[in-house]
PDB file of N, CA and C in Angstrom:
ATOM      1  N   LEU A   1     -60.553 143.853 -31.259  1.00  0.00           N
ATOM      2  CA  LEU A   1     -59.336 143.109 -31.021  1.00  0.00           C
ATOM      3  C   LEU A   1     -59.418 141.385 -31.001  1.00  0.00           C
ATOM      4  N   ALA A   2     -60.633 140.791 -30.840  1.00  0.00           N
ATOM      5  CA  ALA A   2     -61.266 139.485 -30.848  1.00  0.00           C
ATOM      6  C   ALA A   2     -61.401 139.106 -32.182  1.00  0.00           C
ATOM      7  N   ARG A   3     -61.706 140.066 -33.271  1.00  0.00           N
ATOM      8  CA  ARG A   3     -61.302 139.693 -34.725  1.00  0.00           C
ATOM      9  C   ARG A   3     -60.134 139.696 -35.066  1.00  0.00           C
ATOM     10  N   ASP A   4     -59.200 140.370 -34.657  1.00  0.00           N
ATOM     11  CA  ASP A   4     -57.675 140.410 -35.037  1.00  0.00           C
ATOM     12  C   ASP A   4     -56.672 139.060 -34.407  1.00  0.00           C
ATOM     13  N   SER A   5     -57.460 138.824 -33.269  1.00  0.00           N
ATOM     14  CA  SER A   5     -56.819 137.392 -32.583  1.00  0.00           C
ATOM     15  C   SER A   5     -57.434 136.282 -33.421  1.00  0.00           C
ATOM     16  N   GLU A   6     -58.673 136.183 -33.854  1.00  0.00           N
ATOM     17  CA  GLU A   6     -59.419 135.048 -34.690  1.00  0.00           C
ATOM     18  C   GLU A   6     -58.504 134.916 -35.879  1.00  0.00           C
ATOM     19  N   ILE A   7     -58.298 136.054 -36.597  1.00  0.00           N
ATOM     20  CA  ILE A   7     -57.560 135.938 -38.040  1.00  0.00           C
ATOM     21  C   ILE A   7     -56.258 135.640 -37.483  1.00  0.00           C
ATOM     22  N   ALA A   8     -55.710 136.052 -36.851  1.00  0.00           N
ATOM     23  CA  ALA A   8     -53.922 135.376 -36.584  1.00  0.00           C
ATOM     24  C   ALA A   8     -54.382 134.021 -36.268  1.00  0.00           C
ATOM     25  N   ARG A   9     -55.438 133.351 -35.239  1.00  0.00           N
ATOM     26  CA  ARG A   9     -55.617 131.776 -35.046  1.00  0.00           C
ATOM     27  C   ARG A   9     -55.415 131.347 -36.387  1.00  0.00           C
ATOM     28  N   ILE A  10     -56.484 131.716 -37.718  1.00  0.00           N
ATOM     29  CA  ILE A  10     -56.973 131.213 -38.583  1.00  0.00           C
ATOM     30  C   ILE A  10     -55.380 131.127 -39.516  1.00  0.00           C
ATOM     31  N   HIS A  11     -54.879 131.974 -39.349  1.00  0.00           N
ATOM     32  CA  HIS A  11     -53.557 132.164 -40.330  1.00  0.00           C
ATOM     33  C   HIS A  11     -52.751 131.000 -39.847  1.00  0.00           C
ATOM     34  N   ALA A  12     -52.359 131.037 -38.256  1.00  0.00           N
ATOM     35  CA  ALA A  12     -51.345 130.039 -37.713  1.00  0.00           C
ATOM     36  C   ALA A  12     -51.760 128.787 -37.878  1.00  0.00           C
ATOM     37  N   GLU A  13     -53.181 128.493 -37.985  1.00  0.00           N
ATOM     38  CA  GLU A  13     -53.719 126.899 -38.537  1.00  0.00           C
ATOM     39  C   GLU A  13     -53.425 126.596 -39.863  1.00  0.00           C
ATOM     40  N   GLU A  14     -53.769 127.671 -40.761  1.00  0.00           N
ATOM     41  CA  GLU A  14     -53.045 127.086 -42.203  1.00  0.00           C
ATOM     42  C   GLU A  14     -51.516 127.136 -42.176  1.00  0.00           C
ATOM     43  N   GLU A  15     -50.957 127.904 -41.356  1.00  0.00           N
ATOM     44  CA  GLU A  15     -49.341 127.714 -41.719  1.00  0.00           C
ATOM     45  C   GLU A  15     -49.044 126.222 -41.021  1.00  0.00           C
ATOM     46  N   LEU A  16     -49.717 126.186 -39.844  1.00  0.00           N
ATOM     47  CA  LEU A  16     -49.466 124.497 -39.409  1.00  0.00           C
ATOM     48  C   LEU A  16     -49.624 123.416 -40.503  1.00  0.00           C
ATOM     49  N   ASN A  17     -50.917 123.503 -40.985  1.00  0.00           N
ATOM     50  CA  ASN A  17     -51.436 122.621 -42.033  1.00  0.00           C
ATOM     51  C   ASN A  17     -50.276 122.650 -43.288  1.00  0.00           C
ATOM     52  N   VAL A  18     -50.174 123.788 -43.817  1.00  0.00           N
ATOM     53  CA  VAL A  18     -49.132 123.503 -44.429  1.00  0.00           C
ATOM     54  C   VAL A  18     -47.855 122.725 -44.483  1.00  0.00           C
ATOM     55  N   MET A  19     -47.189 123.081 -43.045  1.00  0.00           N
ATOM     56  CA  MET A  19     -46.339 122.489 -42.820  1.00  0.00           C
ATOM     57  C   MET A  19     -46.465 121.032 -42.439  1.00  0.00           C
ATOM     58  N   ILE A  20     -47.435 120.701 -42.077  1.00  0.00           N
ATOM     59  CA  ILE A  20     -47.945 119.267 -41.849  1.00  0.00           C
ATOM     60  C   ILE A  20     -47.656 118.593 -42.930  1.00  0.00           C
ATOM     61  N   GLU A  21     -48.782 119.264 -44.129  1.00  0.00           N
ATOM     62  CA  GLU A  21     -48.269 118.572 -45.376  1.00  0.00           C
ATOM     63  C   GLU A  21     -47.040 118.443 -46.157  1.00  0.00           C
ATOM     64  N   GLY A  22     -46.481 119.590 -45.805  1.00  0.00           N
ATOM     65  CA  GLY A  22     -45.046 119.232 -46.139  1.00  0.00           C
ATOM     66  C   GLY A  22     -44.061 118.167 -45.439  1.00  0.00           C
ATOM     67  N   LEU A  23     -44.095 118.002 -44.082  1.00  0.00           N
ATOM     68  CA  LEU A  23     -43.448 116.865 -43.493  1.00  0.00           C
ATOM     69  C   LEU A  23     -44.200 115.309 -43.966  1.00  0.00           C
ATOM     70  N   ASP A  24     -45.414 115.671 -44.114  1.00  0.00           N
ATOM     71  CA  ASP A  24     -45.890 114.278 -44.856  1.00  0.00           C
ATOM     72  C   ASP A  24     -45.296 113.712 -45.925  1.00  0.00           C
ATOM     73  N   ARG A  25     -45.426 115.007 -46.970  1.00  0.00           N
ATOM     74  CA  ARG A  25     -44.409 114.366 -48.362  1.00  0.00           C
ATOM     75  C   ARG A  25     -43.035 114.207 -48.181  1.00  0.00           C
ATOM     76  N   SER A  26     -42.454 114.904 -47.254  1.00  0.00           N
ATOM     77  CA  SER A  26     -40.938 114.422 -46.751  1.00  0.00           C
ATOM     78  C   SER A  26     -40.801 112.832 -46.430  1.00  0.00           C
ATOM     79  N   ASN A  27     -41.775 112.615 -45.389  1.00  0.00           N
ATOM     80  CA  ASN A  27     -41.910 111.315 -44.784  1.00  0.00           C
ATOM     81  C   ASN A  27     -42.189 110.102 -46.089  1.00  0.00           C
ATOM     82  N   GLU A  28     -42.957 110.537 -47.151  1.00  0.00           N
ATOM     83  CA  GLU A  28     -43.298 109.887 -48.130  1.00  0.00           C
ATOM     84  C   GLU A  28     -41.904 109.575 -49.064  1.00  0.00           C
ATOM     85  N   VAL A  29     -41.089 110.498 -49.191  1.00  0.00           N
ATOM     86  CA  VAL A  29     -40.060 110.356 -50.056  1.00  0.00           C
ATOM     87  C   VAL A  29     -39.132 109.637 -49.492  1.00  0.00           C
ATOM     88  N   ILE A  30     -38.702 109.963 -48.140  1.00  0.00           N
ATOM     89  CA  ILE A  30     -38.095 109.061 -47.382  1.00  0.00           C
ATOM     90  C   ILE A  30     -38.425 107.521 -47.296  1.00  0.00           C
ATOM     91  N   ALA A  31     -39.795 107.467 -46.802  1.00  0.00           N
ATOM     92  CA  ALA A  31     -39.871 105.953 -47.103  1.00  0.00           C
ATOM     93  C   ALA A  31     -39.748 105.117 -48.118  1.00  0.00           C
ATOM     94  N   LYS A  32     -39.969 105.980 -49.463  1.00  0.00           N
ATOM     95  CA  LYS A  32     -39.649 105.393 -50.672  1.00  0.00           C
ATOM     96  C   LYS A  32     -38.310 105.270 -50.970  1.00  0.00           C
ATOM     97  N   HIS A  33     -37.467 106.170 -50.658  1.00  0.00           N
ATOM     98  CA  HIS A  33     -35.938 105.893 -50.681  1.00  0.00           C
ATOM     99  C   HIS A  33     -35.540 105.032 -49.859  1.00  0.00           C
ATOM    100  N   LEU A  34     -36.097 104.269 -48.576  1.00  0.00           N
ATOM    101  CA  LEU A  34     -35.422 103.633 -47.666  1.00  0.00           C
ATOM    102  C   LEU A  34     -36.087 102.406 -48.680  1.00  0.00           C
ATOM    103  N   GLN A  35     -37.247 102.454 -48.881  1.00  0.00           N
ATOM    104  CA  GLN A  35     -37.696 100.992 -49.530  1.00  0.00           C
ATOM    105  C   GLN A  35     -36.866 100.618 -50.702  1.00  0.00           C
ATOM    106  N   GLU A  36     -36.462 101.521 -51.320  1.00  0.00           N
ATOM    107  CA  GLU A  36     -35.518 101.500 -52.805  1.00  0.00           C
ATOM    108  C   GLU A  36     -33.920 100.756 -52.197  1.00  0.00           C
ATOM    109  N   TYR A  37     -33.623 101.323 -51.301  1.00  0.00           N
ATOM    110  CA  TYR A  37     -32.448 100.947 -50.688  1.00  0.00           C
ATOM    111  C   TYR A  37     -32.315  99.491 -50.225  1.00  0.00           C
ATOM    112  N   GLU A  38     -33.490  99.215 -49.384  1.00  0.00           N
ATOM    113  CA  GLU A  38     -33.427  97.993 -48.439  1.00  0.00           C
ATOM    114  C   GLU A  38     -33.759  96.850 -49.987  1.00  0.00           C
ATOM    115  N   GLN A  39     -34.465  97.382 -50.906  1.00  0.00           N
ATOM    116  CA  GLN A  39     -34.727  96.456 -52.270  1.00  0.00           C
ATOM    117  C   GLN A  39     -33.233  96.354 -53.041  1.00  0.00           C
ATOM    118  N   ALA A  40     -32.460  97.312 -53.012  1.00  0.00           N
ATOM    119  CA  ALA A  40     -30.976  97.049 -53.571  1.00  0.00           C
ATOM    120  C   ALA A  40     -30.130  96.482 -53.022  1.00  0.00           C
ATOM    121  N   GLU A  41     -30.407  96.717 -51.634  1.00  0.00           N
ATOM    122  CA  GLU A  41     -29.242  95.519 -50.692  1.00  0.00           C
ATOM    123  C   GLU A  41     -29.833  94.060 -50.777  1.00  0.00           C
ATOM    124  N   ALA A  42     -30.911  94.060 -50.905  1.00  0.00           N
ATOM    125  CA  ALA A  42     -31.327  92.513 -50.746  1.00  0.00           C
ATOM    126  C   ALA A  42     -31.021  91.833 -51.941  1.00  0.00           C
ATOM    127  N   GLU A  43     -30.409  92.609 -53.371  1.00  0.00           N
ATOM    128  CA  GLU A  43     -30.331  92.275 -54.669  1.00  0.00           C
ATOM    129  C   GLU A  43     -28.868  91.984 -54.704  1.00  0.00           C
ATOM    130  N   LEU A  44     -28.126  92.647 -53.708  1.00  0.00           N
ATOM    131  CA  LEU A  44     -26.509  92.421 -54.019  1.00  0.00           C
ATOM    132  C   LEU A  44     -26.608  91.258 -53.749  1.00  0.00           C
ATOM    133  N   THR A  45     -25.644  90.367 -54.426  1.00  0.00           N
ATOM    134  CA  THR A  45     -24.843  89.160 -54.059  1.00  0.00           C
ATOM    135  C   THR A  45     -23.985  89.329 -53.113  1.00  0.00           C
ATOM    136  N   VAL A  46     -23.507  88.131 -52.435  1.00  0.00           N
ATOM    137  CA  VAL A  46     -22.106  88.282 -51.439  1.00  0.00           C
ATOM    138  C   VAL A  46     -21.107  89.101 -52.172  1.00  0.00           C
ATOM    139  N   ARG A  47     -20.941  88.544 -53.373  1.00  0.00           N
ATOM    140  CA  ARG A  47     -19.757  88.615 -54.029  1.00  0.00           C
ATOM    141  C   ARG A  47     -19.686  90.422 -54.521  1.00  0.00           C
ATOM    142  N   GLU A  48     -20.838  90.837 -54.850  1.00  0.00           N
ATOM    143  CA  GLU A  48     -20.856  92.077 -54.915  1.00  0.00           C
ATOM    144  C   GLU A  48     -20.889  92.763 -53.663  1.00  0.00           C
ATOM    145  N   ARG A  49     -21.320  92.712 -52.656  1.00  0.00           N
ATOM    146  CA  ARG A  49     -21.076  93.267 -51.544  1.00  0.00           C
ATOM    147  C   ARG A  49     -19.642  93.336 -51.121  1.00  0.00           C
ATOM    148  N   ILE A  50     -18.681  91.988 -51.046  1.00  0.00           N
ATOM    149  CA  ILE A  50     -17.500  92.140 -51.051  1.00  0.00           C
ATOM    150  C   ILE A  50     -16.904  93.159 -51.958  1.00  0.00           C
ATOM    151  N   GLU A  51     -17.055  93.178 -53.412  1.00  0.00           N
ATOM    152  CA  GLU A  51     -16.595  93.977 -54.105  1.00  0.00           C
ATOM    153  C   GLU A  51     -16.953  95.602 -53.684  1.00  0.00           C
ATOM    154  N   LEU A  52     -17.858  95.878 -53.253  1.00  0.00           N
ATOM    155  CA  LEU A  52     -17.983  97.289 -52.499  1.00  0.00           C
ATOM    156  C   LEU A  52     -17.460  97.360 -51.417  1.00  0.00           C
ATOM    157  N   ILE A  53     -17.136  96.248 -50.381  1.00  0.00           N
ATOM    158  CA  ILE A  53     -16.396  96.824 -49.512  1.00  0.00           C
ATOM    159  C   ILE A  53     -14.946  97.024 -49.537  1.00  0.00           C
ATOM    160  N   ASN A  54     -14.764  96.205 -50.300  1.00  0.00           N
ATOM    161  CA  ASN A  54     -13.129  96.342 -50.978  1.00  0.00           C
ATOM    162  C   ASN A  54     -12.893  97.818 -51.677  1.00  0.00           C
ATOM    163  N   GLU A  55     -13.862  98.068 -52.410  1.00  0.00           N
ATOM    164  CA  GLU A  55     -13.865  99.482 -52.811  1.00  0.00           C
ATOM    165  C   GLU A  55     -13.985 100.602 -52.145  1.00  0.00           C
ATOM    166  N   LEU A  56     -14.517 100.327 -50.662  1.00  0.00           N
ATOM    167  CA  LEU A  56     -14.472 101.394 -49.415  1.00  0.00           C
ATOM    168  C   LEU A  56     -13.335 101.339 -48.968  1.00  0.00           C
ATOM    169  N   VAL A  57     -12.800 100.156 -48.797  1.00  0.00           N
ATOM    170  CA  VAL A  57     -11.375 100.063 -47.940  1.00  0.00           C
ATOM    171  C   VAL A  57     -10.310 100.779 -48.700  1.00  0.00           C
ATOM    172  N   LYS A  58     -10.306 100.546 -50.059  1.00  0.00           N
ATOM    173  CA  LYS A  58      -9.547 101.414 -51.234  1.00  0.00           C
ATOM    174  C   LYS A  58      -9.321 102.711 -51.103  1.00  0.00           C
ATOM    175  N   TYR A  59     -10.573 103.149 -50.907  1.00  0.00           N
ATOM    176  CA  TYR A  59     -11.184 104.696 -50.631  1.00  0.00           C
ATOM    177  C   TYR A  59     -10.652 105.287 -49.743  1.00  0.00           C
ATOM    178  N   GLN A  60     -11.121 104.287 -48.501  1.00  0.00           N
ATOM    179  CA  GLN A  60     -10.473 104.785 -47.073  1.00  0.00           C
ATOM    180  C   GLN A  60      -8.957 105.148 -46.879  1.00  0.00           C
ATOM    181  N   ASP A  61      -8.337 104.129 -47.769  1.00  0.00           N
ATOM    182  CA  ASP A  61      -6.705 104.226 -47.955  1.00  0.00           C
ATOM    183  C   ASP A  61      -5.940 105.231 -48.576  1.00  0.00           C
ATOM    184  N   HIS A  62      -6.759 105.647 -49.481  1.00  0.00           N
ATOM    185  CA  HIS A  62      -6.424 106.421 -50.182  1.00  0.00           C
ATOM    186  C   HIS A  62      -6.746 107.978 -49.583  1.00  0.00           C
ATOM    187  N   HIS A  63      -7.809 108.230 -48.967  1.00  0.00           N
ATOM    188  CA  HIS A  63      -8.402 109.158 -48.199  1.00  0.00           C
ATOM    189  C   HIS A  63      -7.280 109.860 -47.321  1.00  0.00           C
ATOM    190  N   ALA A  64      -6.753 108.388 -46.318  1.00  0.00           N
ATOM    191  CA  ALA A  64      -5.922 108.558 -45.337  1.00  0.00           C
ATOM    192  C   ALA A  64      -4.884 109.315 -45.846  1.00  0.00           C
ATOM    193  N   LYS A  65      -4.368 108.778 -46.813  1.00  0.00           N
ATOM    194  CA  LYS A  65      -2.769 109.263 -47.731  1.00  0.00           C
ATOM    195  C   LYS A  65      -2.940 110.553 -48.183  1.00  0.00           C
ATOM    196  N   ILE A  66      -4.316 111.172 -48.601  1.00  0.00           N
ATOM    197  CA  ILE A  66      -4.361 112.302 -48.464  1.00  0.00           C
ATOM    198  C   ILE A  66      -4.413 113.235 -47.280  1.00  0.00           C
ATOM    199  N   LEU A  67      -5.316 112.894 -46.288  1.00  0.00           N
ATOM    200  CA  LEU A  67      -4.953 113.297 -45.137  1.00  0.00           C
ATOM    201  C   LEU A  67      -3.418 113.557 -44.611  1.00  0.00           C
ATOM    202  N   LYS A  68      -2.800 112.440 -44.577  1.00  0.00           N
ATOM    203  CA  LYS A  68      -1.442 112.364 -43.989  1.00  0.00           C
ATOM    204  C   LYS A  68      -0.541 113.386 -44.745  1.00  0.00           C
ATOM    205  N   TYR A  69      -0.824 113.471 -46.540  1.00  0.00           N
ATOM    206  CA  TYR A  69      -0.081 114.605 -47.107  1.00  0.00           C
ATOM    207  C   TYR A  69      -0.534 115.899 -46.968  1.00  0.00           C
ATOM    208  N   GLN A  70      -1.498 116.177 -46.569  1.00  0.00           N
ATOM    209  CA  GLN A  70      -2.113 117.664 -46.040  1.00  0.00           C
ATOM    210  C   GLN A  70      -1.432 117.803 -45.039  1.00  0.00           C
ATOM    211  N   ALA A  71      -1.437 117.385 -44.037  1.00  0.00           N
ATOM    212  CA  ALA A  71      -0.705 117.246 -42.639  1.00  0.00           C
ATOM    213  C   ALA A  71       0.786 117.434 -42.651  1.00  0.00           C
ATOM    214  N   GLN A  72       1.594 117.053 -43.806  1.00  0.00           N
ATOM    215  CA  GLN A  72       3.045 116.856 -44.084  1.00  0.00           C
ATOM    216  C   GLN A  72       3.075 118.566 -44.814  1.00  0.00           C
ATOM    217  N   GLN A  73       2.191 118.931 -45.452  1.00  0.00           N
ATOM    218  CA  GLN A  73       2.380 120.312 -45.880  1.00  0.00           C
ATOM    219  C   GLN A  73       2.997 121.193 -45.368  1.00  0.00           C
ATOM    220  N   SER A  74       2.476 121.329 -44.172  1.00  0.00           N
ATOM    221  CA  SER A  74       3.166 122.281 -43.018  1.00  0.00           C
ATOM    222  C   SER A  74       4.684 122.180 -42.867  1.00  0.00           C
ATOM    223  N   LYS A  75       5.169 120.800 -42.807  1.00  0.00           N
ATOM    224  CA  LYS A  75       6.622 121.063 -43.059  1.00  0.00           C
ATOM    225  C   LYS A  75       7.003 120.252 -44.457  1.00  0.00           C
ATOM    226  N   PRO A  76       8.327 120.939 -45.047  1.00  0.00           N
ATOM    227  CA  PRO A  76       8.293 120.395 -46.293  1.00  0.00           C
ATOM    228  C   PRO A  76       8.990 118.992 -46.070  1.00  0.00           C
ATOM    229  N   LEU A  77       8.752 118.192 -47.190  1.00  0.00           N
ATOM    230  CA  LEU A  77       9.542 117.043 -47.416  1.00  0.00           C
ATOM    231  C   LEU A  77      10.868 117.137 -48.391  1.00  0.00           C
ATOM    232  N   SER A  78      11.399 115.937 -48.337  1.00  0.00           N
ATOM    233  CA  SER A  78      12.689 115.847 -48.962  1.00  0.00           C
ATOM    234  C   SER A  78      12.053 115.404 -50.089  1.00  0.00           C
ATOM    235  N   LYS A  79      13.158 115.598 -51.062  1.00  0.00           N
ATOM    236  CA  LYS A  79      12.881 115.036 -52.626  1.00  0.00           C
ATOM    237  C   LYS A  79      12.274 113.324 -52.607  1.00  0.00           C
ATOM    238  N   LYS A  80      13.182 112.855 -52.077  1.00  0.00           N
ATOM    239  CA  LYS A  80      12.923 111.032 -51.566  1.00  0.00           C
ATOM    240  C   LYS A  80      11.605 111.161 -51.255  1.00  0.00           C
ATOM    241  N   LYS A  81      11.132 111.659 -50.036  1.00  0.00           N
ATOM    242  CA  LYS A  81       9.692 111.540 -49.396  1.00  0.00           C
ATOM    243  C   LYS A  81       8.935 112.026 -50.359  1.00  0.00           C
ATOM    244  N   GLN A  82       8.822 113.178 -51.047  1.00  0.00           N
ATOM    245  CA  GLN A  82       7.990 113.381 -51.825  1.00  0.00           C
ATOM    246  C   GLN A  82       7.794 112.221 -52.931  1.00  0.00           C
ATOM    247  N   ARG A  83       8.711 111.667 -53.864  1.00  0.00           N
ATOM    248  CA  ARG A  83       8.746 111.198 -54.654  1.00  0.00           C
ATOM    249  C   ARG A  83       8.255 109.655 -54.328  1.00  0.00           C
ATOM    250  N   GLU A  84       8.446 108.871 -53.002  1.00  0.00           N
ATOM    251  CA  GLU A  84       7.768 107.875 -52.254  1.00  0.00           C
ATOM    252  C   GLU A  84       6.313 108.316 -52.193  1.00  0.00           C
ATOM    253  N   PHE A  85       5.892 109.238 -51.579  1.00  0.00           N
ATOM    254  CA  PHE A  85       4.511 109.456 -51.636  1.00  0.00           C
ATOM    255  C   PHE A  85       3.859 109.679 -52.683  1.00  0.00           C
ATOM    256  N   HIS A  86       4.237 110.242 -53.842  1.00  0.00           N
ATOM    257  CA  HIS A  86       3.395 110.119 -55.112  1.00  0.00           C
ATOM    258  C   HIS A  86       3.315 108.976 -55.913  1.00  0.00           C
ATOM    259  N   MET A  87       4.374 107.938 -55.667  1.00  0.00           N
ATOM    260  CA  MET A  87       4.575 106.814 -56.142  1.00  0.00           C
ATOM    261  C   MET A  87       3.629 105.742 -55.556  1.00  0.00           C
ATOM    262  N   SER A  88       3.370 106.257 -54.058  1.00  0.00           N
ATOM    263  CA  SER A  88       2.356 105.184 -53.512  1.00  0.00           C
ATOM    264  C   SER A  88       0.924 105.531 -53.797  1.00  0.00           C
ATOM    265  N   VAL A  89       0.413 106.884 -54.020  1.00  0.00           N
ATOM    266  CA  VAL A  89      -0.500 107.433 -54.670  1.00  0.00           C
ATOM    267  C   VAL A  89      -0.780 106.712 -55.899  1.00  0.00           C
ATOM    268  N   LEU A  90      -0.019 106.798 -56.856  1.00  0.00           N
ATOM    269  CA  LEU A  90       0.049 106.012 -58.171  1.00  0.00           C
ATOM    270  C   LEU A  90      -0.115 104.697 -58.255  1.00  0.00           C
ATOM    271  N   ARG A  91       0.535 103.904 -57.207  1.00  0.00           N
ATOM    272  CA  ARG A  91       0.172 102.500 -57.122  1.00  0.00           C
ATOM    273  C   ARG A  91      -1.137 102.351 -56.507  1.00  0.00           C
ATOM    274  N   SER A  92      -1.459 103.315 -55.715  1.00  0.00           N
ATOM    275  CA  SER A  92      -3.196 103.108 -55.224  1.00  0.00           C
ATOM    276  C   SER A  92      -4.122 103.211 -56.119  1.00  0.00           C
ATOM    277  N   HIS A  93      -3.743 104.062 -57.187  1.00  0.00           N
ATOM    278  CA  HIS A  93      -4.882 104.140 -58.180  1.00  0.00           C
ATOM    279  C   HIS A  93      -4.610 103.102 -59.293  1.00  0.00           C
ATOM    280  N   ALA A  94      -3.552 102.689 -59.347  1.00  0.00           N
ATOM    281  CA  ALA A  94      -3.395 101.436 -60.288  1.00  0.00           C
ATOM    282  C   ALA A  94      -4.575 100.137 -60.116  1.00  0.00           C
ATOM    283  N   GLY A  95      -4.381 100.237 -58.652  1.00  0.00           N
ATOM    284  CA  GLY A  95      -5.419  98.667 -58.416  1.00  0.00           C
ATOM    285  C   GLY A  95      -6.881  99.401 -58.164  1.00  0.00           C
ATOM    286  N   TRP A  96      -7.314 100.657 -58.972  1.00  0.00           N
ATOM    287  CA  TRP A  96      -8.740 100.983 -58.972  1.00  0.00           C
ATOM    288  C   TRP A  96      -9.578 100.376 -60.186  1.00  0.00           C
TER     289      TRP A  96
END
């Protein structure tokens, strides 16, 4: 009985060591990616940052239109409303 509990303890310690090593590797990877992100962020010019923000705003606007369209699918649109929606999507894509 004492031997079985000793074997179980040894296996538990080995499992914990493997888990700790895995977490250490994960932390190293996260730290590396964070460092790369911070370096890339520091290298962006103000103009590049503004361009990225503008692209994000366009994306969010486009996404909002998609969500609006999906919400409207539950009620049928008139032909005129369908045409207006599709034209607005085409116009937003033309600016990309």
